[in-house]
Amino acid sequence: MAKKQETYPVQTLLTILDTELGPAVENAQAKAQEERRALESLKSVALGLYDEVDKLVKKSPVDLITPLVLEQVNGVIVEAKELGKQDSHMQKLVPFVAAGDNPEQRDVLVILRLVKQGMERLHVLQLEQSSILATLKSDLRALTHIFKHWMELGSATANVREYLDDVHSAISTNWKYGTGYTWQLDMPKINEVHIRAYFDVSKL
């Protein structure tokens, strides 16, 4: 019994989950939510600009864009680059320089189309990120259950597994093997190094 407890320092792992990894996942989710709201706001402005410039281009594509519209377009470009830091194509976008003649309306439309496409890619990326974070949060809850009841019972006995039978579907396949009534906790994987790597949100 003492040997198993020494091999798997449950209290240490539980402390890491509660004080370090749990808050990190929560903060990542809050940041992701803010970024989703920011993208939705930007999409509203950018798509509105795109529609208006598109109408202007259909009437007279070579006319110069007005200073007011140019200012709004540049603002959209700056915000899009800030939100899309992981998108190499969005990072290539450069605000128009307000010096000399303004750009033609058709050129502005091209840039707005690139921004629009970049936001579509960013939306897909945000959905994937949200799914990953939701899985991490679920796994955090599952591992916390495992560790707390392990401590209460003293070891990873059959009683722990029996207690967890009703919630085993929520436990990630990263931490178990087998299915149905034959599933078992994969304890060699439940260690500090593996847990820190699995719940590392810095790469998202």
Protein backbone atom coordinates (compact mmCIF):
# COMPACT_ATOMS: atom_id res chain seq x y z
CA MET A 1 0.00 0.00 0.00
CA ALA A 2 2.73 2.45 0.98
CA LYS A 3 4.69 1.56 -2.13
CA LYS A 4 1.79 2.40 -4.41
CA GLN A 5 1.24 5.71 -2.64
CA GLU A 6 4.93 6.56 -3.10
CA THR A 7 4.81 5.70 -6.82
CA TYR A 8 1.72 7.81 -7.39
CA PRO A 9 1.87 10.94 -5.15
CA VAL A 10 -1.86 11.63 -5.34
CA GLN A 11 -1.85 14.69 -3.08
CA THR A 12 0.85 16.36 -5.20
CA LEU A 13 -1.03 15.63 -8.41
CA LEU A 14 -4.29 16.89 -6.93
CA THR A 15 -2.60 20.12 -5.82
CA ILE A 16 -1.19 20.63 -9.32
CA LEU A 17 -4.67 20.21 -10.81
CA ASP A 18 -6.35 22.51 -8.30
CA THR A 19 -3.84 25.33 -8.10
CA GLU A 20 -2.05 25.30 -11.44
CA LEU A 21 -3.61 23.40 -14.33
CA GLY A 22 -7.25 24.03 -13.45
CA PRO A 23 -6.87 27.82 -13.28
CA ALA A 24 -4.80 27.75 -16.49
CA VAL A 25 -7.60 26.01 -18.38
CA GLU A 26 -10.20 28.38 -16.89
CA ASN A 27 -8.14 31.41 -17.95
CA ALA A 28 -7.69 29.97 -21.43
CA GLN A 29 -11.43 29.48 -21.76
CA ALA A 30 -12.11 33.05 -20.62
CA LYS A 31 -9.57 34.40 -23.10
CA ALA A 32 -11.04 32.28 -25.90
CA GLN A 33 -14.50 33.60 -25.11
CA GLU A 34 -13.26 37.19 -25.30
CA GLU A 35 -11.61 36.47 -28.64
CA ARG A 36 -14.83 34.94 -30.01
CA ARG A 37 -16.77 38.04 -29.01
CA ALA A 38 -14.11 40.28 -30.56
CA LEU A 39 -14.24 38.30 -33.80
CA GLU A 40 -18.03 38.54 -33.99
CA SER A 41 -17.83 42.30 -33.49
CA LEU A 42 -15.13 42.65 -36.12
CA LYS A 43 -17.07 40.49 -38.59
CA SER A 44 -20.07 42.77 -38.25
CA VAL A 45 -18.01 45.85 -39.13
CA ALA A 46 -15.86 44.19 -41.81
CA LEU A 47 -18.75 42.56 -43.67
CA GLY A 48 -20.65 45.84 -43.62
CA LEU A 49 -17.66 47.62 -45.12
CA TYR A 50 -17.21 44.88 -47.69
CA ASP A 51 -20.81 45.19 -48.86
CA GLU A 52 -20.59 48.97 -49.18
CA VAL A 53 -17.27 48.95 -51.05
CA ASP A 54 -18.56 46.16 -53.28
CA LYS A 55 -21.46 48.39 -54.31
CA LEU A 56 -19.07 51.26 -55.04
CA VAL A 57 -16.82 49.03 -57.12
CA LYS A 58 -19.73 47.84 -59.24
CA LYS A 59 -20.53 51.46 -60.07
CA SER A 60 -16.99 52.75 -60.59
CA PRO A 61 -14.11 50.39 -59.71
CA VAL A 62 -11.29 52.84 -60.45
CA ASP A 63 -12.61 55.69 -58.32
CA LEU A 64 -10.50 56.51 -55.30
CA ILE A 65 -11.77 55.41 -51.91
CA THR A 66 -12.88 58.23 -49.60
CA PRO A 67 -10.76 59.14 -46.57
CA LEU A 68 -13.57 58.11 -44.20
CA VAL A 69 -13.92 54.63 -45.67
CA LEU A 70 -10.13 54.23 -45.84
CA GLU A 71 -9.85 55.01 -42.13
CA GLN A 72 -12.46 52.36 -41.31
CA VAL A 73 -10.78 49.78 -43.56
CA ASN A 74 -7.40 50.37 -41.95
CA GLY A 75 -8.98 49.90 -38.54
CA VAL A 76 -10.42 46.57 -39.63
CA ILE A 77 -7.04 45.44 -40.98
CA VAL A 78 -5.29 46.26 -37.71
CA GLU A 79 -7.89 44.43 -35.60
CA ALA A 80 -7.92 41.43 -37.93
CA LYS A 81 -4.12 41.07 -37.67
CA GLU A 82 -4.32 41.30 -33.89
CA LEU A 83 -6.92 38.54 -33.66
CA GLY A 84 -5.32 36.39 -36.35
CA LYS A 85 -1.77 36.22 -35.02
CA GLN A 86 -1.61 32.51 -35.85
CA ASP A 87 -2.70 33.10 -39.46
CA SER A 88 0.32 33.82 -41.66
CA HIS A 89 -1.81 35.19 -44.48
CA MET A 90 -3.58 37.70 -42.23
CA GLN A 91 -0.22 38.83 -40.92
CA LYS A 92 0.80 39.80 -44.45
CA LEU A 93 -2.00 42.38 -44.64
CA VAL A 94 -0.79 45.97 -44.36
CA PRO A 95 -2.95 49.05 -43.69
CA PHE A 96 -3.13 51.54 -46.52
CA VAL A 97 -0.83 54.55 -46.16
CA ALA A 98 -2.89 57.74 -46.10
CA ALA A 99 -0.44 59.76 -48.17
CA GLY A 100 -0.93 61.13 -51.66
CA ASP A 101 -3.83 59.67 -53.60
CA ASN A 102 -6.04 57.16 -51.84
CA PRO A 103 -6.19 53.61 -53.28
CA GLU A 104 -8.76 52.67 -55.86
CA GLN A 105 -11.99 51.16 -54.61
CA ARG A 106 -11.32 47.83 -56.34
CA ASP A 107 -7.99 47.47 -54.52
CA VAL A 108 -9.67 48.11 -51.20
CA LEU A 109 -12.28 45.48 -52.01
CA VAL A 110 -9.55 42.92 -52.65
CA ILE A 111 -8.06 43.55 -49.21
CA LEU A 112 -11.46 43.39 -47.55
CA ARG A 113 -12.06 40.05 -49.25
CA LEU A 114 -8.78 38.76 -47.83
CA VAL A 115 -9.83 39.96 -44.39
CA LYS A 116 -13.19 38.23 -44.81
CA GLN A 117 -11.52 34.95 -45.76
CA GLY A 118 -9.10 35.28 -42.87
CA MET A 119 -11.96 35.73 -40.41
CA GLU A 120 -13.59 32.58 -41.75
CA ARG A 121 -10.39 30.63 -41.09
CA LEU A 122 -10.13 32.19 -37.64
CA HIS A 123 -13.71 31.18 -36.85
CA VAL A 124 -12.89 27.54 -37.65
CA LEU A 125 -9.76 27.74 -35.49
CA GLN A 126 -11.74 29.16 -32.59
CA LEU A 127 -14.28 26.33 -32.82
CA GLU A 128 -11.47 23.77 -32.69
CA GLN A 129 -9.89 25.55 -29.73
CA SER A 130 -13.19 25.64 -27.85
CA SER A 131 -13.65 21.92 -28.37
CA ILE A 132 -10.14 21.18 -27.07
CA LEU A 133 -10.64 23.36 -24.00
CA ALA A 134 -13.99 21.73 -23.23
CA THR A 135 -12.31 18.31 -23.35
CA LEU A 136 -9.51 19.48 -21.07
CA LYS A 137 -12.00 20.83 -18.54
CA SER A 138 -13.92 17.55 -18.58
CA ASP A 139 -10.71 15.59 -18.06
CA LEU A 140 -9.72 17.87 -15.19
CA ARG A 141 -12.99 17.09 -13.41
CA ALA A 142 -12.55 13.37 -14.03
CA LEU A 143 -8.98 13.24 -12.72
CA THR A 144 -9.95 15.32 -9.70
CA HIS A 145 -12.66 12.74 -8.92
CA ILE A 146 -10.12 9.94 -9.26
CA PHE A 147 -7.54 11.53 -6.98
CA LYS A 148 -9.96 12.66 -4.27
CA HIS A 149 -11.57 9.24 -3.90
CA TRP A 150 -8.23 7.52 -4.17
CA MET A 151 -7.09 9.55 -1.16
CA GLU A 152 -10.27 8.74 0.74
CA LEU A 153 -9.88 5.00 0.18
CA GLY A 154 -6.11 4.91 0.46
CA SER A 155 -5.22 3.43 -2.91
CA ALA A 156 -6.44 2.67 -6.42
CA THR A 157 -8.44 -0.31 -5.19
CA ALA A 158 -11.38 -1.97 -6.88
CA ASN A 159 -13.60 0.26 -4.72
CA VAL A 160 -12.24 3.33 -6.51
CA ARG A 161 -12.91 1.76 -9.88
CA GLU A 162 -16.36 0.69 -8.76
CA TYR A 163 -17.15 4.22 -7.57
CA LEU A 164 -16.04 5.61 -10.89
CA ASP A 165 -18.09 3.17 -12.99
CA ASP A 166 -20.93 5.66 -13.16
CA VAL A 167 -18.68 8.43 -14.46
CA HIS A 168 -16.13 6.45 -16.47
CA SER A 169 -17.55 7.72 -19.78
CA ALA A 170 -16.36 11.20 -18.81
CA ILE A 171 -12.82 9.99 -18.20
CA SER A 172 -10.58 10.56 -21.19
CA THR A 173 -9.12 7.55 -22.97
CA ASN A 174 -5.77 9.14 -22.08
CA TRP A 175 -6.23 7.87 -18.53
CA LYS A 176 -7.80 4.45 -19.01
CA TYR A 177 -7.85 1.35 -21.14
CA GLY A 178 -10.55 -1.19 -21.80
CA THR A 179 -14.27 -0.60 -22.29
CA GLY A 180 -17.52 -1.32 -20.52
CA TYR A 181 -17.16 -3.15 -17.21
CA THR A 182 -13.56 -4.15 -17.98
CA TRP A 183 -12.06 -0.64 -18.12
CA GLN A 184 -9.11 0.16 -15.87
CA LEU A 185 -7.19 3.28 -14.94
CA ASP A 186 -3.90 3.51 -16.84
CA MET A 187 -1.94 4.58 -13.78
CA PRO A 188 1.55 4.74 -15.38
CA LYS A 189 0.23 7.61 -17.50
CA ILE A 190 -1.16 9.48 -14.52
CA ASN A 191 1.99 11.24 -13.43
CA GLU A 192 3.13 14.84 -13.08
CA VAL A 193 5.04 15.00 -16.37
CA HIS A 194 2.24 13.50 -18.46
CA ILE A 195 -0.45 15.61 -16.81
CA ARG A 196 1.47 18.87 -17.25
CA ALA A 197 2.06 18.09 -20.92
CA TYR A 198 -1.55 17.05 -21.55
CA PHE A 199 -3.08 20.14 -19.93
CA ASP A 200 -0.57 22.59 -21.45
CA VAL A 201 -2.76 25.36 -22.92
CA SER A 202 0.15 27.57 -23.97
CA LYS A 203 0.28 25.82 -27.35
CA LEU A 204 -3.35 26.66 -28.18
